[in-house]
């Protein structure tokens, strides 16, 4: 099973598959389907491959997240465990500097329990994680790097969701370093023309992969998300 076969039309954007063990940043403004895109990719991939994954949510409860996915026609795989850390924001705020270690322990324990068939992890979202941490920026960069490298050595493909204030840049990022740490960046955005608005997908970078650099329309279909070729243009992406 390929990642690019998990969403209808995504295999038109990519000529070759997203490599395993990559760190993929899913970025975009509010309302651009970042969580839905990531969740559908993982749940369809895991169901077809027979592997297992972990979806960590820091912003919504597990129940609300599942309802949101089902409202878009996105199936919920039994092979994708949803780990709800949203209550941490209320219960353990005074100890928030330990959250990165806690997340890492949670992922490693899940990996040890499942074994080598645990291959994918998603973190929703980096912005929520940053809001819980009381760490100087330079130290946060170091800890984030160590966190991601530890998971990379566990042969885990990592999807990191990041909400930004704008669609076309990394502005709004707390550390300015996510784009450098990531092996790939998939940008989800909104394009307005008159009274018409379209969500779009654009691959800003994906190492070792052949892909389109143009924007593609991303929409909610009857059975989840769908990607297809658009006829609009947006400003060029600048990293």
C-alpha atoms as a PDB file:
ATOM      1  CA  UNK A   1       0.000   0.000   0.000  1.00  0.00           C
ATOM      2  CA  UNK A   2       1.239   3.487  -0.894  1.00  0.00           C
ATOM      3  CA  UNK A   3       0.511   6.676   1.054  1.00  0.00           C
ATOM      4  CA  UNK A   4      -0.430   8.406  -2.188  1.00  0.00           C
ATOM      5  CA  UNK A   5      -3.247   5.899  -2.824  1.00  0.00           C
ATOM      6  CA  UNK A   6      -5.044   6.753   0.417  1.00  0.00           C
ATOM      7  CA  UNK A   7      -6.860   9.875  -0.837  1.00  0.00           C
ATOM      8  CA  UNK A   8      -8.660   9.940  -4.180  1.00  0.00           C
ATOM      9  CA  UNK A   9      -6.544  11.882  -6.680  1.00  0.00           C
ATOM     10  CA  UNK A  10      -3.413  12.198  -4.541  1.00  0.00           C
ATOM     11  CA  UNK A  11      -1.561   9.819  -6.862  1.00  0.00           C
ATOM     12  CA  UNK A  12      -1.946  12.471  -9.577  1.00  0.00           C
ATOM     13  CA  UNK A  13       0.002  14.950  -7.442  1.00  0.00           C
ATOM     14  CA  UNK A  14       2.817  12.479  -6.722  1.00  0.00           C
ATOM     15  CA  UNK A  15       4.639  10.357  -9.295  1.00  0.00           C
ATOM     16  CA  UNK A  16       6.396   8.350  -6.593  1.00  0.00           C
ATOM     17  CA  UNK A  17       5.319   7.520  -3.062  1.00  0.00           C
ATOM     18  CA  UNK A  18       6.181   9.384   0.124  1.00  0.00           C
ATOM     19  CA  UNK A  19       9.130   7.449   1.593  1.00  0.00           C
ATOM     20  CA  UNK A  20       8.678   5.689   4.897  1.00  0.00           C
ATOM     21  CA  UNK A  21      10.450   6.990   8.014  1.00  0.00           C
ATOM     22  CA  UNK A  22      10.004  10.583   6.782  1.00  0.00           C
ATOM     23  CA  UNK A  23       8.945  13.540   8.929  1.00  0.00           C
ATOM     24  CA  UNK A  24       6.052  15.207   7.060  1.00  0.00           C
ATOM     25  CA  UNK A  25       4.763  18.660   8.009  1.00  0.00           C
ATOM     26  CA  UNK A  26       1.086  19.282   7.194  1.00  0.00           C
ATOM     27  CA  UNK A  27       0.701  23.075   7.413  1.00  0.00           C
ATOM     28  CA  UNK A  28      -1.964  25.639   6.675  1.00  0.00           C
ATOM     29  CA  UNK A  29      -4.427  28.167   8.005  1.00  0.00           C
ATOM     30  CA  UNK A  30      -7.502  27.289  10.053  1.00  0.00           C
ATOM     31  CA  UNK A  31     -10.218  25.390   8.189  1.00  0.00           C
ATOM     32  CA  UNK A  32      -7.976  23.853   5.519  1.00  0.00           C
ATOM     33  CA  UNK A  33      -8.650  20.193   6.473  1.00  0.00           C
ATOM     34  CA  UNK A  34      -5.233  19.490   7.989  1.00  0.00           C
ATOM     35  CA  UNK A  35      -6.545  16.992  10.535  1.00  0.00           C
ATOM     36  CA  UNK A  36      -8.900  15.330   8.062  1.00  0.00           C
ATOM     37  CA  UNK A  37      -6.184  14.980   5.416  1.00  0.00           C
ATOM     38  CA  UNK A  38      -3.730  13.440   7.873  1.00  0.00           C
ATOM     39  CA  UNK A  39      -6.294  11.155   9.502  1.00  0.00           C
ATOM     40  CA  UNK A  40      -7.645   9.809   6.213  1.00  0.00           C
ATOM     41  CA  UNK A  41      -4.162   9.166   4.861  1.00  0.00           C
ATOM     42  CA  UNK A  42      -3.220   7.192   7.968  1.00  0.00           C
ATOM     43  CA  UNK A  43      -6.441   5.245   8.461  1.00  0.00           C
ATOM     44  CA  UNK A  44      -6.604   4.101   4.816  1.00  0.00           C
ATOM     45  CA  UNK A  45      -2.904   3.273   4.717  1.00  0.00           C
ATOM     46  CA  UNK A  46      -3.005   1.230   7.917  1.00  0.00           C
ATOM     47  CA  UNK A  47      -6.151  -0.680   6.963  1.00  0.00           C
ATOM     48  CA  UNK A  48      -4.628  -1.679   3.624  1.00  0.00           C
ATOM     49  CA  UNK A  49      -1.098  -2.408   4.812  1.00  0.00           C
ATOM     50  CA  UNK A  50      -1.934  -4.331   7.992  1.00  0.00           C
ATOM     51  CA  UNK A  51       0.266  -1.978  10.026  1.00  0.00           C
ATOM     52  CA  UNK A  52      -0.601   0.109  13.104  1.00  0.00           C
ATOM     53  CA  UNK A  53      -0.331   3.771  14.009  1.00  0.00           C
ATOM     54  CA  UNK A  54      -0.871   6.354  16.725  1.00  0.00           C
ATOM     55  CA  UNK A  55      -2.766   9.631  16.343  1.00  0.00           C
ATOM     56  CA  UNK A  56      -2.040  12.038  19.207  1.00  0.00           C
ATOM     57  CA  UNK A  57      -4.525  14.869  19.662  1.00  0.00           C
ATOM     58  CA  UNK A  58      -3.731  17.787  21.948  1.00  0.00           C
ATOM     59  CA  UNK A  59      -6.657  19.972  20.882  1.00  0.00           C
ATOM     60  CA  UNK A  60      -9.792  17.798  20.815  1.00  0.00           C
ATOM     61  CA  UNK A  61     -11.126  14.933  22.849  1.00  0.00           C
ATOM     62  CA  UNK A  62     -11.047  11.517  21.209  1.00  0.00           C
ATOM     63  CA  UNK A  63     -14.849  11.499  20.920  1.00  0.00           C
ATOM     64  CA  UNK A  64     -15.033  14.923  19.239  1.00  0.00           C
ATOM     65  CA  UNK A  65     -12.225  14.032  16.867  1.00  0.00           C
ATOM     66  CA  UNK A  66     -13.976  10.848  15.746  1.00  0.00           C
ATOM     67  CA  UNK A  67     -17.257  12.739  15.232  1.00  0.00           C
ATOM     68  CA  UNK A  68     -15.455  15.328  13.126  1.00  0.00           C
ATOM     69  CA  UNK A  69     -13.866  12.653  10.933  1.00  0.00           C
ATOM     70  CA  UNK A  70     -17.124  10.760  10.496  1.00  0.00           C
ATOM     71  CA  UNK A  71     -18.934  13.975   9.499  1.00  0.00           C
ATOM     72  CA  UNK A  72     -16.570  14.189   6.512  1.00  0.00           C
ATOM     73  CA  UNK A  73     -17.101  10.558   5.548  1.00  0.00           C
ATOM     74  CA  UNK A  74     -13.655   9.549   6.800  1.00  0.00           C
ATOM     75  CA  UNK A  75     -13.536   6.058   8.263  1.00  0.00           C
ATOM     76  CA  UNK A  76     -11.956   5.360  11.640  1.00  0.00           C
ATOM     77  CA  UNK A  77      -9.522   2.454  11.519  1.00  0.00           C
ATOM     78  CA  UNK A  78      -9.140   0.058  14.432  1.00  0.00           C
ATOM     79  CA  UNK A  79      -5.461   0.006  13.506  1.00  0.00           C
ATOM     80  CA  UNK A  80      -5.090   3.716  14.297  1.00  0.00           C
ATOM     81  CA  UNK A  81      -5.092   4.314  18.043  1.00  0.00           C
ATOM     82  CA  UNK A  82      -6.197   7.805  19.080  1.00  0.00           C
ATOM     83  CA  UNK A  83      -4.294   9.074  22.112  1.00  0.00           C
ATOM     84  CA  UNK A  84      -6.123  11.983  23.752  1.00  0.00           C
ATOM     85  CA  UNK A  85      -3.832  14.445  25.536  1.00  0.00           C
ATOM     86  CA  UNK A  86      -6.328  17.310  25.516  1.00  0.00           C
ATOM     87  CA  UNK A  87      -6.977  16.982  29.262  1.00  0.00           C
ATOM     88  CA  UNK A  88      -3.271  17.499  29.895  1.00  0.00           C
ATOM     89  CA  UNK A  89      -3.753  21.178  29.143  1.00  0.00           C
ATOM     90  CA  UNK A  90      -5.988  21.504  32.213  1.00  0.00           C
ATOM     91  CA  UNK A  91      -4.596  18.920  34.600  1.00  0.00           C
ATOM     92  CA  UNK A  92      -0.831  19.274  34.240  1.00  0.00           C
ATOM     93  CA  UNK A  93      -0.150  22.805  33.064  1.00  0.00           C
ATOM     94  CA  UNK A  94       2.277  23.441  35.921  1.00  0.00           C
ATOM     95  CA  UNK A  95       4.441  20.553  34.663  1.00  0.00           C
ATOM     96  CA  UNK A  96       4.178  21.337  30.964  1.00  0.00           C
ATOM     97  CA  UNK A  97       7.957  21.366  30.424  1.00  0.00           C
ATOM     98  CA  UNK A  98       7.799  17.564  30.686  1.00  0.00           C
ATOM     99  CA  UNK A  99       5.273  17.183  27.863  1.00  0.00           C
ATOM    100  CA  UNK A 100       7.779  16.398  25.108  1.00  0.00           C
ATOM    101  CA  UNK A 101       9.267  13.634  27.252  1.00  0.00           C
ATOM    102  CA  UNK A 102       5.781  12.377  28.075  1.00  0.00           C
ATOM    103  CA  UNK A 103       4.831  12.256  24.392  1.00  0.00           C
ATOM    104  CA  UNK A 104       8.036  10.445  23.513  1.00  0.00           C
ATOM    105  CA  UNK A 105       7.482   7.870  26.260  1.00  0.00           C
ATOM    106  CA  UNK A 106       3.888   7.369  25.101  1.00  0.00           C
ATOM    107  CA  UNK A 107       4.979   6.742  21.518  1.00  0.00           C
ATOM    108  CA  UNK A 108       7.877   4.434  22.434  1.00  0.00           C
ATOM    109  CA  UNK A 109       5.671   2.388  24.787  1.00  0.00           C
ATOM    110  CA  UNK A 110       3.048   2.011  22.061  1.00  0.00           C
ATOM    111  CA  UNK A 111       5.750   0.977  19.605  1.00  0.00           C
ATOM    112  CA  UNK A 112       7.121  -1.626  22.035  1.00  0.00           C
ATOM    113  CA  UNK A 113       3.629  -2.993  22.662  1.00  0.00           C
ATOM    114  CA  UNK A 114       2.750  -3.337  18.960  1.00  0.00           C
ATOM    115  CA  UNK A 115       6.216  -4.176  17.666  1.00  0.00           C
ATOM    116  CA  UNK A 116       7.596  -3.556  14.189  1.00  0.00           C
ATOM    117  CA  UNK A 117       4.090  -3.258  12.731  1.00  0.00           C
ATOM    118  CA  UNK A 118       3.788   0.137  14.451  1.00  0.00           C
ATOM    119  CA  UNK A 119       4.954   2.404  11.633  1.00  0.00           C
ATOM    120  CA  UNK A 120       3.086   5.737  11.734  1.00  0.00           C
ATOM    121  CA  UNK A 121       2.494   8.538  14.244  1.00  0.00           C
ATOM    122  CA  UNK A 122       0.624  11.837  13.853  1.00  0.00           C
ATOM    123  CA  UNK A 123       0.815  14.805  16.228  1.00  0.00           C
ATOM    124  CA  UNK A 124      -2.140  17.216  16.171  1.00  0.00           C
ATOM    125  CA  UNK A 125      -0.810  19.803  16.617  1.00  0.00           C
ATOM    126  CA  UNK A 126       2.568  21.473  17.026  1.00  0.00           C
ATOM    127  CA  UNK A 127       0.875  24.757  17.884  1.00  0.00           C
ATOM    128  CA  UNK A 128      -0.951  23.162  20.796  1.00  0.00           C
ATOM    129  CA  UNK A 129       2.299  21.571  21.948  1.00  0.00           C
ATOM    130  CA  UNK A 130       4.131  24.910  21.883  1.00  0.00           C
ATOM    131  CA  UNK A 131       1.349  26.590  23.854  1.00  0.00           C
ATOM    132  CA  UNK A 132       1.916  24.112  26.695  1.00  0.00           C
ATOM    133  CA  UNK A 133       5.675  24.510  26.889  1.00  0.00           C
ATOM    134  CA  UNK A 134       7.535  27.073  28.944  1.00  0.00           C
ATOM    135  CA  UNK A 135      10.901  26.689  27.238  1.00  0.00           C
ATOM    136  CA  UNK A 136      13.221  29.258  25.670  1.00  0.00           C
ATOM    137  CA  UNK A 137      13.126  29.190  21.869  1.00  0.00           C
ATOM    138  CA  UNK A 138      16.680  27.911  21.376  1.00  0.00           C
ATOM    139  CA  UNK A 139      16.137  25.067  23.867  1.00  0.00           C
ATOM    140  CA  UNK A 140      12.775  24.237  22.302  1.00  0.00           C
ATOM    141  CA  UNK A 141      14.468  23.782  18.926  1.00  0.00           C
ATOM    142  CA  UNK A 142      16.998  21.397  20.410  1.00  0.00           C
ATOM    143  CA  UNK A 143      14.364  19.356  22.228  1.00  0.00           C
ATOM    144  CA  UNK A 144      12.146  19.175  19.150  1.00  0.00           C
ATOM    145  CA  UNK A 145      15.090  17.985  17.076  1.00  0.00           C
ATOM    146  CA  UNK A 146      15.974  15.266  19.592  1.00  0.00           C
ATOM    147  CA  UNK A 147      12.318  14.210  19.842  1.00  0.00           C
ATOM    148  CA  UNK A 148      11.970  13.800  16.079  1.00  0.00           C
ATOM    149  CA  UNK A 149      15.330  12.092  15.644  1.00  0.00           C
ATOM    150  CA  UNK A 150      14.459   9.569  18.356  1.00  0.00           C
ATOM    151  CA  UNK A 151      11.293   8.636  16.487  1.00  0.00           C
ATOM    152  CA  UNK A 152      13.092   8.507  13.155  1.00  0.00           C
ATOM    153  CA  UNK A 153      15.479   5.900  14.604  1.00  0.00           C
ATOM    154  CA  UNK A 154      12.428   3.871  15.629  1.00  0.00           C
ATOM    155  CA  UNK A 155      11.541   3.623  11.902  1.00  0.00           C
ATOM    156  CA  UNK A 156       8.405   5.694  12.383  1.00  0.00           C
ATOM    157  CA  UNK A 157       6.833   7.836   9.673  1.00  0.00           C
ATOM    158  CA  UNK A 158       5.794  11.029  11.473  1.00  0.00           C
ATOM    159  CA  UNK A 159       3.076  13.485  10.447  1.00  0.00           C
ATOM    160  CA  UNK A 160       3.190  16.862  12.201  1.00  0.00           C
ATOM    161  CA  UNK A 161       0.224  19.229  11.895  1.00  0.00           C
ATOM    162  CA  UNK A 162       1.000  22.948  12.135  1.00  0.00           C
ATOM    163  CA  UNK A 163      -1.553  25.765  11.919  1.00  0.00           C
ATOM    164  CA  UNK A 164      -0.205  28.992  10.439  1.00  0.00           C
ATOM    165  CA  UNK A 165      -1.769  32.425  10.089  1.00  0.00           C
ATOM    166  CA  UNK A 166      -1.001  32.578   6.369  1.00  0.00           C
ATOM    167  CA  UNK A 167      -1.125  29.989   3.605  1.00  0.00           C
ATOM    168  CA  UNK A 168       2.003  30.914   1.682  1.00  0.00           C
ATOM    169  CA  UNK A 169       4.780  31.041   4.246  1.00  0.00           C
ATOM    170  CA  UNK A 170       6.054  29.679   7.521  1.00  0.00           C
ATOM    171  CA  UNK A 171       4.973  32.876   9.278  1.00  0.00           C
ATOM    172  CA  UNK A 172       3.068  32.115  12.434  1.00  0.00           C
ATOM    173  CA  UNK A 173       5.468  29.314  13.299  1.00  0.00           C
ATOM    174  CA  UNK A 174       6.711  29.549  16.851  1.00  0.00           C
ATOM    175  CA  UNK A 175      10.226  28.331  16.199  1.00  0.00           C
ATOM    176  CA  UNK A 176      10.802  28.845  12.483  1.00  0.00           C
ATOM    177  CA  UNK A 177      12.579  25.503  12.359  1.00  0.00           C
ATOM    178  CA  UNK A 178       9.867  22.971  11.472  1.00  0.00           C
ATOM    179  CA  UNK A 179      10.427  23.370   7.748  1.00  0.00           C
ATOM    180  CA  UNK A 180      14.119  22.573   8.116  1.00  0.00           C
ATOM    181  CA  UNK A 181      13.516  19.508  10.276  1.00  0.00           C
ATOM    182  CA  UNK A 182      10.849  18.076   7.992  1.00  0.00           C
ATOM    183  CA  UNK A 183      11.644  15.831   5.038  1.00  0.00           C
ATOM    184  CA  UNK A 184       8.450  16.992   3.377  1.00  0.00           C
ATOM    185  CA  UNK A 185       5.956  19.844   3.586  1.00  0.00           C
ATOM    186  CA  UNK A 186       2.378  19.595   2.347  1.00  0.00           C
ATOM    187  CA  UNK A 187       0.613  22.944   2.356  1.00  0.00           C
ATOM    188  CA  UNK A 188      -3.165  23.139   2.648  1.00  0.00           C
ATOM    189  CA  UNK A 189      -4.736  26.515   1.948  1.00  0.00           C
ATOM    190  CA  UNK A 190      -7.729  28.572   0.872  1.00  0.00           C
ATOM    191  CA  UNK A 191      -8.067  30.327  -2.487  1.00  0.00           C
ATOM    192  CA  UNK A 192     -10.669  33.090  -2.873  1.00  0.00           C
ATOM    193  CA  UNK A 193     -11.996  34.388  -6.177  1.00  0.00           C
ATOM    194  CA  UNK A 194     -14.992  36.665  -5.927  1.00  0.00           C
ATOM    195  CA  UNK A 195     -17.595  34.905  -3.827  1.00  0.00           C
ATOM    196  CA  UNK A 196     -16.025  31.498  -4.476  1.00  0.00           C
ATOM    197  CA  UNK A 197     -13.598  29.804  -2.099  1.00  0.00           C
ATOM    198  CA  UNK A 198     -11.670  26.607  -2.775  1.00  0.00           C
ATOM    199  CA  UNK A 199      -9.424  24.616  -0.500  1.00  0.00           C
ATOM    200  CA  UNK A 200      -6.200  23.575  -2.158  1.00  0.00           C
ATOM    201  CA  UNK A 201      -3.244  21.266  -1.609  1.00  0.00           C
ATOM    202  CA  UNK A 202       0.311  21.995  -2.710  1.00  0.00           C
ATOM    203  CA  UNK A 203       3.510  20.050  -2.058  1.00  0.00           C
ATOM    204  CA  UNK A 204       6.147  22.562  -1.033  1.00  0.00           C
ATOM    205  CA  UNK A 205       8.877  19.953  -0.736  1.00  0.00           C
ATOM    206  CA  UNK A 206       9.233  16.192  -0.525  1.00  0.00           C
ATOM    207  CA  UNK A 207      12.730  14.788  -0.583  1.00  0.00           C
ATOM    208  CA  UNK A 208      13.473  11.776  -2.815  1.00  0.00           C
ATOM    209  CA  UNK A 209      10.040  12.093  -4.415  1.00  0.00           C
ATOM    210  CA  UNK A 210       8.766  13.232  -7.823  1.00  0.00           C
ATOM    211  CA  UNK A 211       5.732  15.477  -7.398  1.00  0.00           C
ATOM    212  CA  UNK A 212       3.797  18.410  -8.812  1.00  0.00           C
ATOM    213  CA  UNK A 213       4.545  21.903  -7.460  1.00  0.00           C
ATOM    214  CA  UNK A 214       1.180  23.279  -8.571  1.00  0.00           C
ATOM    215  CA  UNK A 215      -1.910  23.768  -6.380  1.00  0.00           C
ATOM    216  CA  UNK A 216      -4.619  21.089  -6.528  1.00  0.00           C
ATOM    217  CA  UNK A 217      -8.184  21.469  -5.274  1.00  0.00           C
ATOM    218  CA  UNK A 218      -8.949  19.606  -2.042  1.00  0.00           C
ATOM    219  CA  UNK A 219     -12.590  18.953  -1.276  1.00  0.00           C
ATOM    220  CA  UNK A 220     -14.830  16.835   0.945  1.00  0.00           C
ATOM    221  CA  UNK A 221     -16.547  14.147  -1.130  1.00  0.00           C
ATOM    222  CA  UNK A 222     -19.134  11.573  -0.062  1.00  0.00           C
ATOM    223  CA  UNK A 223     -16.538   9.127   1.261  1.00  0.00           C
ATOM    224  CA  UNK A 224     -13.829  11.412   2.559  1.00  0.00           C
ATOM    225  CA  UNK A 225     -11.470  13.839   0.853  1.00  0.00           C
ATOM    226  CA  UNK A 226     -10.699  14.142  -2.838  1.00  0.00           C
ATOM    227  CA  UNK A 227      -7.918  15.893  -4.760  1.00  0.00           C
ATOM    228  CA  UNK A 228      -8.283  17.077  -8.330  1.00  0.00           C
ATOM    229  CA  UNK A 229      -6.677  19.511 -10.750  1.00  0.00           C
ATOM    230  CA  UNK A 230      -7.721  23.147 -10.376  1.00  0.00           C
ATOM    231  CA  UNK A 231      -7.758  26.005 -12.850  1.00  0.00           C
ATOM    232  CA  UNK A 232      -6.654  28.754 -10.484  1.00  0.00           C
ATOM    233  CA  UNK A 233      -3.227  30.147  -9.646  1.00  0.00           C
ATOM    234  CA  UNK A 234      -1.760  31.312  -6.371  1.00  0.00           C
ATOM    235  CA  UNK A 235       1.433  33.109  -5.499  1.00  0.00           C
ATOM    236  CA  UNK A 236       4.596  31.013  -5.702  1.00  0.00           C
ATOM    237  CA  UNK A 237       5.772  29.233  -2.568  1.00  0.00           C
ATOM    238  CA  UNK A 238       8.937  30.551  -0.979  1.00  0.00           C
ATOM    239  CA  UNK A 239      10.709  28.571   1.733  1.00  0.00           C
END
